[in-house]
Structure formats: C-alpha cells, structure tokens
Protein backbone atom coordinates (compact mmCIF):
# COMPACT_ATOMS: atom_id res chain seq x y z
CA UNK A 1 103.37 11.03 77.61
CA UNK A 2 100.16 12.94 78.14
CA UNK A 3 101.64 14.75 81.15
CA UNK A 4 104.77 15.65 79.14
CA UNK A 5 102.67 16.92 76.24
CA UNK A 6 100.56 18.98 78.64
CA UNK A 7 103.64 20.56 80.27
CA UNK A 8 105.13 21.41 76.87
CA UNK A 9 101.84 22.96 75.76
CA UNK A 10 101.62 25.06 78.93
CA UNK A 11 105.23 26.13 78.46
CA UNK A 12 104.51 27.24 74.87
CA UNK A 13 101.43 29.18 76.03
CA UNK A 14 103.48 30.90 78.76
CA UNK A 15 106.24 31.77 76.26
CA UNK A 16 103.67 33.11 73.80
CA UNK A 17 102.10 35.32 76.47
CA UNK A 18 105.53 36.59 77.48
CA UNK A 19 106.38 37.38 73.86
CA UNK A 20 103.04 39.16 73.32
CA UNK A 21 103.60 41.17 76.49
CA UNK A 22 107.03 42.27 75.26
CA UNK A 23 105.66 43.19 71.83
CA UNK A 24 102.83 45.22 73.37
CA UNK A 25 105.30 47.02 75.63
CA UNK A 26 107.42 48.01 72.65
CA UNK A 27 104.31 49.13 70.74
CA UNK A 28 103.36 51.37 73.66
CA UNK A 29 106.87 52.81 73.76
CA UNK A 30 106.71 53.58 70.03
CA UNK A 31 103.58 55.64 70.67
CA UNK A 32 104.98 57.28 73.79
CA UNK A 33 108.24 58.26 72.12
CA UNK A 34 106.53 59.51 69.00
CA UNK A 35 104.91 62.89 68.50
CA UNK A 36 101.32 62.69 69.65
CA UNK A 37 98.45 64.77 68.31
CA UNK A 38 97.82 66.13 71.81
CA UNK A 39 101.44 67.28 72.13
CA UNK A 40 101.27 69.04 68.76
CA UNK A 41 97.98 70.68 69.70
CA UNK A 42 99.43 71.88 72.99
CA UNK A 43 102.49 73.23 71.21
CA UNK A 44 100.97 74.89 68.16
CA UNK A 45 97.23 75.11 68.77
CA UNK A 46 97.22 78.60 70.27
CA UNK A 47 99.77 80.20 67.94
CA UNK A 48 98.43 82.74 65.43
CA UNK A 49 100.72 81.49 62.63
CA UNK A 50 99.22 79.07 60.12
CA UNK A 51 101.13 75.85 60.83
CA UNK A 52 101.01 72.46 59.12
CA UNK A 53 102.90 69.50 60.62
CA UNK A 54 103.99 66.61 58.40
CA UNK A 55 105.25 63.22 59.57
CA UNK A 56 108.11 61.13 58.25
CA UNK A 57 105.86 59.38 55.71
CA UNK A 58 104.77 62.75 54.25
CA UNK A 59 101.33 62.45 55.82
CA UNK A 60 99.76 65.44 57.55
CA UNK A 61 99.65 64.73 61.29
CA UNK A 62 98.40 68.10 62.54
CA UNK A 63 97.20 71.52 61.40
CA UNK A 64 96.21 74.33 63.73
CA UNK A 65 93.13 76.51 63.42
CA UNK A 66 94.99 79.31 61.63
CA UNK A 67 96.20 76.79 59.06
CA UNK A 68 92.67 75.50 58.50
CA UNK A 69 91.41 79.04 57.95
CA UNK A 70 94.19 79.79 55.47
CA UNK A 71 93.64 76.61 53.45
CA UNK A 72 89.85 76.84 53.94
CA UNK A 73 89.55 73.20 55.01
CA UNK A 74 88.72 71.44 58.26
CA UNK A 75 91.32 69.62 60.34
CA UNK A 76 89.40 66.34 59.89
CA UNK A 77 89.68 66.71 56.11
CA UNK A 78 93.42 67.35 56.19
CA UNK A 79 94.90 65.09 58.89
CA UNK A 80 95.98 61.78 57.37
CA UNK A 81 96.21 63.13 53.84
CA UNK A 82 99.43 62.90 51.87
CA UNK A 83 101.30 66.17 51.42
CA UNK A 84 100.82 65.93 47.64
CA UNK A 85 97.09 66.45 48.16
CA UNK A 86 97.84 69.94 49.47
CA UNK A 87 100.91 70.84 47.43
CA UNK A 88 100.69 69.07 44.05
CA UNK A 89 103.85 67.89 42.32
CA UNK A 90 103.35 70.72 39.83
CA UNK A 91 104.48 73.09 42.61
CA UNK A 92 108.06 72.47 41.58
CA UNK A 93 109.65 75.13 43.80
CA UNK A 94 108.14 73.52 46.91
CA UNK A 95 109.12 69.95 46.05
CA UNK A 96 112.62 70.89 44.97
CA UNK A 97 113.24 72.25 48.46
CA UNK A 98 111.35 69.43 50.18
CA UNK A 99 113.20 66.63 48.33
CA UNK A 100 116.62 68.20 48.75
CA UNK A 101 117.43 66.03 51.84
CA UNK A 102 119.06 69.06 53.44
CA UNK A 103 118.45 70.12 57.03
CA UNK A 104 115.71 72.70 56.71
CA UNK A 105 115.67 75.49 59.25
CA UNK A 106 113.21 78.23 58.38
CA UNK A 107 113.88 77.72 54.66
CA UNK A 108 111.75 80.16 52.65
CA UNK A 109 109.91 79.10 49.50
CA UNK A 110 107.84 81.81 47.83
CA UNK A 111 104.98 81.78 45.37
CA UNK A 112 103.89 78.21 46.13
CA UNK A 113 100.70 76.99 44.48
CA UNK A 114 98.43 74.64 46.40
CA UNK A 115 95.15 72.87 45.84
CA UNK A 116 92.53 75.53 46.38
CA UNK A 117 89.17 76.60 45.04
CA UNK A 118 90.90 79.83 44.10
CA UNK A 119 93.59 78.90 41.53
CA UNK A 120 95.15 82.35 41.81
CA UNK A 121 95.89 82.02 45.51
CA UNK A 122 99.52 81.18 46.32
CA UNK A 123 101.52 80.95 49.51
CA UNK A 124 104.87 81.84 50.93
CA UNK A 125 106.07 79.11 53.28
CA UNK A 126 108.91 78.38 55.68
CA UNK A 127 110.09 74.81 56.16
CA UNK A 128 111.69 73.57 59.37
CA UNK A 129 112.79 70.03 60.25
CA UNK A 130 112.32 68.96 63.86
CA UNK A 131 113.54 65.74 65.43
CA UNK A 132 111.81 65.10 68.75
CA UNK A 133 110.59 61.55 69.25
CA UNK A 134 110.19 61.09 65.50
CA UNK A 135 111.16 63.31 62.56
CA UNK A 136 108.53 65.88 61.62
CA UNK A 137 108.50 68.98 59.47
CA UNK A 138 106.67 72.17 60.33
CA UNK A 139 105.34 74.25 57.44
CA UNK A 140 104.64 77.87 58.33
CA UNK A 141 102.30 79.44 55.75
CA UNK A 142 101.15 82.95 54.80
CA UNK A 143 99.45 84.38 51.75
CA UNK A 144 102.00 85.34 49.11
CA UNK A 145 103.46 88.77 49.74
CA UNK A 146 101.90 89.29 53.16
CA UNK A 147 105.16 89.03 55.06
CA UNK A 148 108.75 89.57 53.97
CA UNK A 149 110.34 88.15 57.12
CA UNK A 150 109.39 85.34 59.43
CA UNK A 151 110.75 84.23 62.77
CA UNK A 152 112.06 80.67 63.08
CA UNK A 153 109.60 78.19 64.59
CA UNK A 154 111.67 77.86 67.76
CA UNK A 155 111.49 81.63 68.28
CA UNK A 156 107.71 81.99 68.07
CA UNK A 157 107.54 82.02 71.85
CA UNK A 158 110.26 84.26 73.26
CA UNK A 159 112.14 83.86 76.51
CA UNK A 160 110.73 87.19 77.63
CA UNK A 161 107.20 85.88 77.10
CA UNK A 162 108.06 82.81 79.18
CA UNK A 163 109.46 84.95 81.99
CA UNK A 164 106.35 87.11 82.13
CA UNK A 165 104.10 84.03 82.26
CA UNK A 166 106.19 82.57 85.08
CA UNK A 167 106.15 85.75 87.18
CA UNK A 168 102.46 86.36 86.46
CA UNK A 169 101.49 82.89 87.70
CA UNK A 170 103.64 83.18 90.82
CA UNK A 171 102.25 86.63 91.64
CA UNK A 172 98.67 85.38 91.63
CA UNK A 173 99.59 82.29 93.64
CA UNK A 174 101.05 84.44 96.41
CA UNK A 175 98.19 86.94 96.28
CA UNK A 176 95.47 84.27 96.50
CA UNK A 177 97.34 82.44 99.26
CA UNK A 178 97.56 85.62 101.35
CA UNK A 179 93.93 86.64 100.82
CA UNK A 180 92.40 83.20 101.46
CA UNK A 181 94.60 82.05 104.36
CA UNK A 182 95.28 85.45 105.93
CA UNK A 183 98.92 84.43 106.20
CA UNK A 184 102.13 85.50 104.50
CA UNK A 185 104.34 84.06 101.79
CA UNK A 186 106.62 82.81 104.58
CA UNK A 187 103.88 80.41 105.68
CA UNK A 188 103.37 79.43 102.04
CA UNK A 189 107.05 78.54 101.73
CA UNK A 190 107.16 76.69 105.06
CA UNK A 191 103.95 74.70 104.69
CA UNK A 192 104.47 73.75 101.04
CA UNK A 193 108.13 72.87 101.52
CA UNK A 194 108.78 74.10 97.98
CA UNK A 195 110.68 77.28 98.82
CA UNK A 196 113.53 77.91 101.24
CA UNK A 197 112.99 80.15 104.26
CA UNK A 198 116.12 81.89 105.56
CA UNK A 199 116.92 84.09 108.59
CA UNK A 200 118.39 87.51 107.90
CA UNK A 201 119.05 89.97 110.74
CA UNK A 202 116.71 87.99 112.96
CA UNK A 203 113.88 88.06 110.39
CA UNK A 204 112.45 85.23 108.31
CA UNK A 205 112.75 85.83 104.58
CA UNK A 206 111.82 84.03 101.36
CA UNK A 207 114.56 85.27 99.06
CA UNK A 208 114.26 82.48 96.47
CA UNK A 209 110.47 82.80 96.24
CA UNK A 210 110.66 86.60 96.05
CA UNK A 211 112.88 86.42 92.97
CA UNK A 212 109.95 84.87 91.07
CA UNK A 213 107.75 87.90 91.69
CA UNK A 214 109.75 90.20 89.41
CA UNK A 215 111.01 89.71 85.86
CA UNK A 216 114.06 91.83 86.68
CA UNK A 217 115.05 89.57 89.60
CA UNK A 218 114.15 86.26 87.95
CA UNK A 219 117.10 83.79 87.81
CA UNK A 220 118.73 83.24 84.41
CA UNK A 221 117.69 79.59 84.62
CA UNK A 222 114.37 79.76 86.46
CA UNK A 223 113.19 76.68 88.34
CA UNK A 224 109.82 76.65 86.62
CA UNK A 225 108.83 73.30 88.16
CA UNK A 226 108.71 74.95 91.59
CA UNK A 227 106.34 77.59 90.23
CA UNK A 228 104.06 74.91 88.79
CA UNK A 229 104.14 72.99 92.08
CA UNK A 230 103.27 76.17 93.97
CA UNK A 231 100.26 76.77 91.73
CA UNK A 232 98.98 73.23 92.27
CA UNK A 233 99.62 73.55 96.02
CA UNK A 234 97.59 76.77 96.26
CA UNK A 235 94.71 75.21 94.31
CA UNK A 236 94.76 72.14 96.56
CA UNK A 237 95.21 73.84 99.93
CA UNK A 238 93.38 77.18 99.61
CA UNK A 239 89.65 77.77 99.61
CA UNK A 240 89.61 79.61 96.30
CA UNK A 241 86.44 80.93 94.76
CA UNK A 242 85.59 79.97 91.19
CA UNK A 243 87.09 83.10 89.68
CA UNK A 244 90.38 82.70 91.55
CA UNK A 245 90.69 79.03 90.63
CA UNK A 246 89.93 79.77 86.96
CA UNK A 247 92.54 82.53 86.96
CA UNK A 248 95.30 80.21 88.18
CA UNK A 249 94.21 77.38 85.88
CA UNK A 250 94.27 79.68 82.83
CA UNK A 251 97.76 80.90 83.70
CA UNK A 252 98.89 77.33 84.36
CA UNK A 253 97.59 76.31 80.94
CA UNK A 254 99.39 79.20 79.20
CA UNK A 255 102.67 78.35 80.92
CA UNK A 256 102.32 74.63 80.16
CA UNK A 257 101.62 75.37 76.49
CA UNK A 258 104.84 77.36 76.32
CA UNK A 259 106.78 74.53 77.98
CA UNK A 260 105.23 71.95 75.62
CA UNK A 261 106.28 74.04 72.63
CA UNK A 262 109.84 74.46 73.85
CA UNK A 263 110.10 70.76 74.64
CA UNK A 264 108.84 69.80 71.19
CA UNK A 265 111.10 72.21 69.37
C-alpha cells in the first residue's frame, strides 16, 4: 500500500510539473505574440511625430519622446495610465470617435481637450487601429491648428526612404570591404556566399549585388535580408576601424528601425 501510494504521489507530481510547464510555455507565447515595449520603441521612437500607443484595455503602453514633449510629461508618468487620465470623458468629440467601434484609419478629431497645466491648450489627433500580435491604437497628436493634413501612420516611412537606406548600407559595405581587404566585390560575393557570381563574356560579374548599389536599379521587391547579412559579414570578417564599424552599425540600426515599423504596421 505504501509503495502504491508513493507511485501515485510521484505520478501526481510529474503531472503537475508537466501542466506547469505547459502553462508557462503558453504564458511565454502570449508575451512573444503581443506587442512589446521594445518593438514599439524601435518602430516609433525615432519618428518626429508625437505618438501615443494604447492597448486593448485602454491603458497607455508607449509614448515616444515627441509625445512626451507635447504633453509635457515623462514616459514613466504616462505608461500604464488609463486613457481617461490623458483625455477626460468631458472631451466628448474624442470619446465619441473612440467608442464608435468602427475601424479607425487616420481618423481626424480636432480641437480635443486633454489634461494639461494649460487649460487653453488643445490638440488635433489622428486615430489608427492596428492589429499586430494584439490590438493597439496609435494616436498621432499635434497642437490644434498646426497641421491641416497628416499622413497615415503606415506612410510615415516611405518606400523611397527604405530604398535609400538599403542602397546606402550596401554601398558602405562594399566600400569598406574593398578598402580593408584590398579585394573586389567579386571576392565579397564568393567568400560570403550571399550573392551570386556569374560569367559574362569570360568575365566574372556580380549582377545581383550591383543592383543594390543604385536606387534606380534596385529590384521592385528587394531582398533586404541579403543586405543585412552582408553588413554583418563585413563587420565580422573585415578589420574595420572604429569609425567604419560605427558607420555600418548606425546604418544597420536605421534600416532595422524601418523594418520594425513596417512589420508592426
């Protein structure tokens, strides 16, 4: 009887551990599939527009530096607060639009009053619903009357801007490779294995790589992952000086921020 009891107890302990493991896995997935603060910061942190991001429970989950300056409050004071603490229920025009349950895409609400030390200060705002991981709303804010037109959130970073960042990064990768290794882009393509080397009229050429050195020749659907891989390869395999390495890292960061924004939106 004691042996049976012991086996049953061990079985219950094993089942409990298995259940806890499954629960913890699902909890991790909830966090991974949700919108993280770091993702929002990467997406919106560098944009000049004053942006406030609100979660599904109407709590503020992120505000960028421009938003803090406009509202004259610190991020630590705002994140976690309920939206009503910023836009009181007396701001009827805001809440009528917010509570409408309609899909908001750059919906303009003008002359919105908010909690401020200056009671005369009002805002014009644009509301946009985004569903990536979990539903969020992005509130784009300006002082009332400062702007009569506003681009949609998903157009804040243009395709042209992305193309220039891609070509700029690739240009510096090739330049630093050539200057530090005293070899050509053909060797870069061959040794990295990232880019195809072809033979044309008896000469080796890097046609696919070369297309990423000019905005005019860039493919309509650029393979940006190959550009990122090339940048990391050059950093890893070349003896770059501090200035060269910082240059590539800064351009990598700018390109990644653009990609994070597009992925989120």
